Protein backbone atom coordinates (compact mmCIF):
# COMPACT_ATOMS: atom_id res chain seq x y z
CA MET A 1 -24.38 -86.30 63.63
CA ARG A 2 -27.16 -84.23 62.10
CA SER A 3 -29.44 -85.52 59.37
CA SER A 4 -30.59 -83.47 56.39
CA TYR A 5 -33.83 -81.47 56.37
CA TRP A 6 -35.49 -83.75 53.83
CA GLY A 7 -34.27 -86.79 55.78
CA ARG A 8 -36.02 -85.52 58.90
CA LEU A 9 -39.21 -84.90 56.91
CA ARG A 10 -39.23 -88.54 55.84
CA GLY A 11 -38.62 -89.60 59.41
CA VAL A 12 -35.46 -91.32 58.23
CA THR A 13 -31.78 -90.72 58.87
CA LEU A 14 -29.55 -92.10 56.16
CA LEU A 15 -26.61 -94.16 57.34
CA PHE A 16 -23.23 -93.93 55.57
CA VAL A 17 -20.67 -96.60 56.53
CA PHE A 18 -17.06 -96.47 55.38
CA ASP A 19 -14.13 -98.87 55.38
CA MET A 20 -10.87 -97.49 56.75
CA ASP A 21 -7.76 -98.94 55.08
CA ASP A 22 -7.27 -98.05 51.41
CA VAL A 23 -10.47 -95.99 51.41
CA LEU A 24 -10.25 -93.20 53.99
CA TYR A 25 -6.64 -93.97 54.90
CA ASP A 26 -3.49 -95.23 53.24
CA TYR A 27 -2.31 -98.28 55.14
CA ASP A 28 1.40 -99.06 54.86
CA TRP A 29 1.29 -102.73 55.82
CA ARG A 30 4.96 -103.26 54.97
CA ALA A 31 6.06 -100.45 57.28
CA ARG A 32 4.08 -102.04 60.09
CA MET A 33 5.58 -105.45 59.39
CA ALA A 34 9.08 -103.94 59.24
CA GLU A 35 8.74 -102.68 62.81
CA LEU A 36 7.37 -106.01 63.99
CA THR A 37 10.17 -107.98 62.33
CA VAL A 38 12.66 -105.94 64.34
CA ILE A 39 10.76 -106.58 67.58
CA THR A 40 10.24 -110.29 66.97
CA GLY A 41 13.46 -111.16 65.16
CA HIS A 42 11.43 -113.01 62.51
CA ASP A 43 11.66 -112.22 58.81
CA LEU A 44 8.51 -111.11 57.00
CA HIS A 45 7.66 -114.62 55.74
CA GLU A 46 7.88 -116.16 59.20
CA LEU A 47 5.95 -113.31 60.81
CA ARG A 48 3.15 -113.66 58.26
CA ARG A 49 3.08 -117.41 58.78
CA ARG A 50 2.74 -117.10 62.54
CA TRP A 51 0.26 -114.22 62.59
CA TRP A 52 -1.77 -114.14 59.38
CA ILE A 53 -1.47 -117.54 57.70
CA SER A 54 -2.23 -119.23 61.02
CA GLY A 55 -5.70 -117.63 60.89
CA MET A 56 -5.28 -115.95 64.27
CA GLU A 57 -5.96 -112.45 62.97
CA TRP A 58 -9.00 -113.51 60.93
CA GLU A 59 -10.51 -115.05 64.05
CA ALA A 60 -9.74 -111.86 65.98
CA GLU A 61 -11.43 -109.71 63.35
CA ALA A 62 -14.53 -111.89 63.78
CA GLY A 63 -14.55 -111.24 67.53
CA ASP A 64 -12.43 -114.04 69.01
CA PRO A 65 -11.08 -113.00 71.45
CA GLY A 66 -13.45 -110.32 72.66
CA ASP A 67 -11.08 -108.81 75.21
CA PRO A 68 -8.20 -106.53 74.18
CA ASP A 69 -5.77 -107.87 76.78
CA GLU A 70 -6.48 -111.44 75.71
CA TYR A 71 -5.96 -110.40 72.09
CA LEU A 72 -2.54 -108.97 72.92
CA ALA A 73 -1.62 -112.11 74.86
CA ARG A 74 -2.54 -114.28 71.88
CA VAL A 75 -0.58 -112.09 69.48
CA SER A 76 2.46 -112.20 71.75
CA GLY A 77 2.15 -115.98 71.84
CA VAL A 78 1.96 -116.50 68.09
CA ILE A 79 4.70 -114.00 67.19
CA GLY A 80 6.93 -115.19 70.03
CA ALA A 81 7.61 -111.77 71.52
CA GLU A 82 6.10 -109.58 74.21
CA ILE A 83 4.77 -106.26 72.99
CA SER A 84 2.97 -103.60 74.98
CA ARG A 85 -0.48 -102.30 74.16
CA ASP A 86 0.91 -98.79 73.63
CA GLU A 87 3.55 -100.10 71.23
CA TRP A 88 1.01 -102.15 69.26
CA VAL A 89 -1.23 -99.12 68.82
CA ARG A 90 1.69 -96.82 67.99
CA ILE A 91 2.95 -99.09 65.22
CA ARG A 92 -0.55 -99.42 63.72
CA SER A 93 -1.15 -95.68 63.92
CA GLN A 94 2.14 -94.79 62.23
CA ALA A 95 1.26 -97.07 59.31
CA THR A 96 -2.12 -95.33 58.85
CA ARG A 97 -2.28 -92.03 56.97
CA ALA A 98 -5.45 -90.07 56.23
CA ARG A 99 -6.57 -89.25 52.70
CA PRO A 100 -7.80 -85.64 52.97
CA ALA A 101 -10.12 -85.72 49.95
CA ALA A 102 -11.74 -88.94 51.18
CA LEU A 103 -12.34 -87.34 54.57
CA ASP A 104 -13.98 -84.42 52.78
CA ALA A 105 -16.39 -86.90 51.20
CA VAL A 106 -17.19 -88.24 54.67
CA ARG A 107 -17.83 -84.68 55.86
CA ARG A 108 -20.35 -84.29 53.05
CA ALA A 109 -22.02 -87.55 54.04
CA ALA A 110 -22.24 -86.25 57.63
CA GLU A 111 -24.30 -83.34 56.29
CA LEU A 112 -26.71 -85.85 54.76
CA GLY A 113 -27.07 -88.37 57.57
CA GLN A 114 -25.28 -90.51 60.14
CA VAL A 115 -21.70 -91.57 59.37
CA ALA A 116 -19.76 -94.52 60.79
CA LEU A 117 -16.56 -96.51 60.29
CA LEU A 118 -16.43 -100.29 59.88
CA THR A 119 -12.97 -101.82 59.56
CA ASN A 120 -11.93 -105.46 59.74
CA ASN A 121 -9.81 -105.35 62.90
CA GLY A 122 -9.50 -107.05 66.25
CA ILE A 123 -10.96 -105.84 69.52
CA LEU A 124 -7.77 -104.12 70.69
CA ILE A 125 -7.71 -101.77 67.70
CA HIS A 126 -11.46 -101.22 68.14
CA HIS A 127 -10.72 -99.64 71.49
CA HIS A 128 -8.04 -97.41 69.96
CA LEU A 129 -9.58 -96.31 66.66
CA HIS A 130 -9.83 -92.80 68.08
CA GLU A 131 -6.01 -92.82 68.00
CA VAL A 132 -5.43 -94.82 64.81
CA ALA A 133 -8.02 -92.79 62.87
CA ALA A 134 -7.94 -89.63 64.96
CA GLU A 135 -8.99 -87.42 62.04
CA LEU A 136 -12.39 -89.11 62.01
CA VAL A 137 -13.28 -88.28 65.59
CA PRO A 138 -14.45 -84.70 64.84
CA ILE A 139 -16.40 -85.96 61.82
CA MET A 140 -17.98 -89.17 63.09
CA GLY A 141 -17.62 -89.06 66.84
CA ARG A 142 -15.55 -91.59 68.75
CA GLU A 143 -18.59 -93.76 69.42
CA ASN A 144 -19.12 -94.36 65.69
CA LEU A 145 -15.69 -95.85 65.00
CA HIS A 146 -16.11 -99.63 64.86
CA ALA A 147 -13.84 -102.60 64.29
CA SER A 148 -15.59 -105.72 63.04
CA ALA A 149 -14.64 -107.60 66.22
CA SER A 150 -17.07 -105.45 68.21
CA PHE A 151 -19.93 -106.96 66.15
CA GLY A 152 -18.67 -110.55 66.38
CA ALA A 153 -18.28 -111.00 62.62
CA ARG A 154 -16.01 -109.72 59.87
CA LYS A 155 -16.64 -108.42 56.39
CA PRO A 156 -17.82 -109.81 53.99
CA ASP A 157 -20.07 -111.90 56.27
CA PRO A 158 -23.60 -110.43 55.92
CA LEU A 159 -23.95 -110.90 59.69
CA VAL A 160 -21.63 -107.98 60.44
CA PHE A 161 -23.74 -105.69 58.28
CA GLU A 162 -26.95 -106.92 59.88
CA ARG A 163 -25.51 -106.10 63.29
CA VAL A 164 -24.42 -102.64 62.16
CA LEU A 165 -27.97 -101.94 60.97
CA ALA A 166 -29.38 -103.18 64.28
CA HIS A 167 -26.89 -101.03 66.21
CA TYR A 168 -28.07 -97.90 64.43
CA GLY A 169 -31.69 -98.88 64.01
CA ALA A 170 -31.27 -98.35 60.28
CA ALA A 171 -32.95 -100.01 57.33
CA ALA A 172 -30.77 -101.55 54.62
CA ALA A 173 -32.54 -99.40 52.02
CA ASP A 174 -31.41 -96.27 53.86
CA THR A 175 -27.78 -97.38 54.21
CA PHE A 176 -24.72 -96.73 52.03
CA PHE A 177 -21.47 -98.69 52.36
CA ALA A 178 -18.08 -98.00 50.73
CA ASP A 179 -15.17 -100.44 50.62
CA ASP A 180 -12.22 -101.15 48.34
CA LEU A 181 -12.82 -104.92 48.21
CA VAL A 182 -15.41 -106.41 45.85
CA GLU A 183 -16.34 -109.19 48.27
CA ASN A 184 -17.03 -106.75 51.11
CA VAL A 185 -19.27 -104.61 48.94
CA ALA A 186 -21.08 -107.75 47.79
CA GLY A 187 -21.62 -108.80 51.40
CA ALA A 188 -23.34 -105.50 52.16
CA GLU A 189 -25.39 -105.59 48.98
CA SER A 190 -26.58 -109.12 49.75
CA ILE A 191 -28.80 -107.72 52.52
CA GLY A 192 -30.03 -104.71 50.54
CA ILE A 193 -27.45 -102.05 51.44
CA THR A 194 -26.33 -99.75 48.63
CA GLY A 195 -22.69 -100.64 48.02
CA HIS A 196 -19.92 -98.58 46.46
CA LEU A 197 -16.62 -100.07 45.35
CA TYR A 198 -14.01 -97.44 46.16
CA VAL A 199 -11.81 -96.34 43.26
CA ASP A 200 -10.99 -92.74 44.10
CA GLU A 201 -12.25 -89.83 46.16
CA ALA A 202 -14.16 -88.17 43.32
CA SER A 203 -16.25 -91.25 42.57
CA LEU A 204 -16.85 -91.77 46.29
CA LEU A 205 -18.27 -88.28 46.65
CA ALA A 206 -20.38 -88.72 43.52
CA ALA A 207 -21.80 -91.99 44.87
CA ILE A 208 -22.67 -90.34 48.19
CA GLU A 209 -24.50 -87.54 46.40
CA ALA A 210 -26.32 -89.96 44.11
CA PHE A 211 -27.45 -92.13 47.02
CA ALA A 212 -28.75 -89.10 48.92
CA ALA A 213 -30.52 -87.72 45.84
CA GLU A 214 -32.26 -91.03 45.22
CA ALA A 215 -33.38 -91.14 48.85
CA ARG A 216 -34.68 -87.58 48.58
CA ALA A 217 -36.71 -88.50 45.50
CA ALA A 218 -38.21 -91.61 47.10
């Protein structure tokens, strides 16, 4: 991704990091669960108990396991049903719908610096974000779509943000992060990143412009 002219003059490329679900995309969690209840034969309460309340998915989002096939094996074990990798990705993708105006804000950020995605997800989805969030590939590049598992920590842990900065060689002061959860924004801000709590696309774009203008004036 190209950086702005003034950014190059400062010898700095600004980094803009965005959450996925409920920021750049609508995520229909209930639609996803509906498909999985059919596959597993469990009702929603039992499926949530086995998968989410057990803590399995939280551990996966923090990088355990670190192999996509092992992740799928663990999921199959806790939900009590075999499911293929293609089916898992298909169901997740169908529950994920882009927000065009939010993607326009990301396009603007790409004119101002480097853009990247950071979503709390396990390693299997990390390897398929180019399918789940296909609209972002032309904007960010496939290599800049990250699930938290790839960094071995999940939001809001400051560690995941530290590892994102290290990955891009970016300073916290030159980094902007947008998320819809207060605790995730606070995690980023705790290490000096400029955080934005997502409310709507207009305020997201305004925050991007304000961050860039402040950097230009520095």
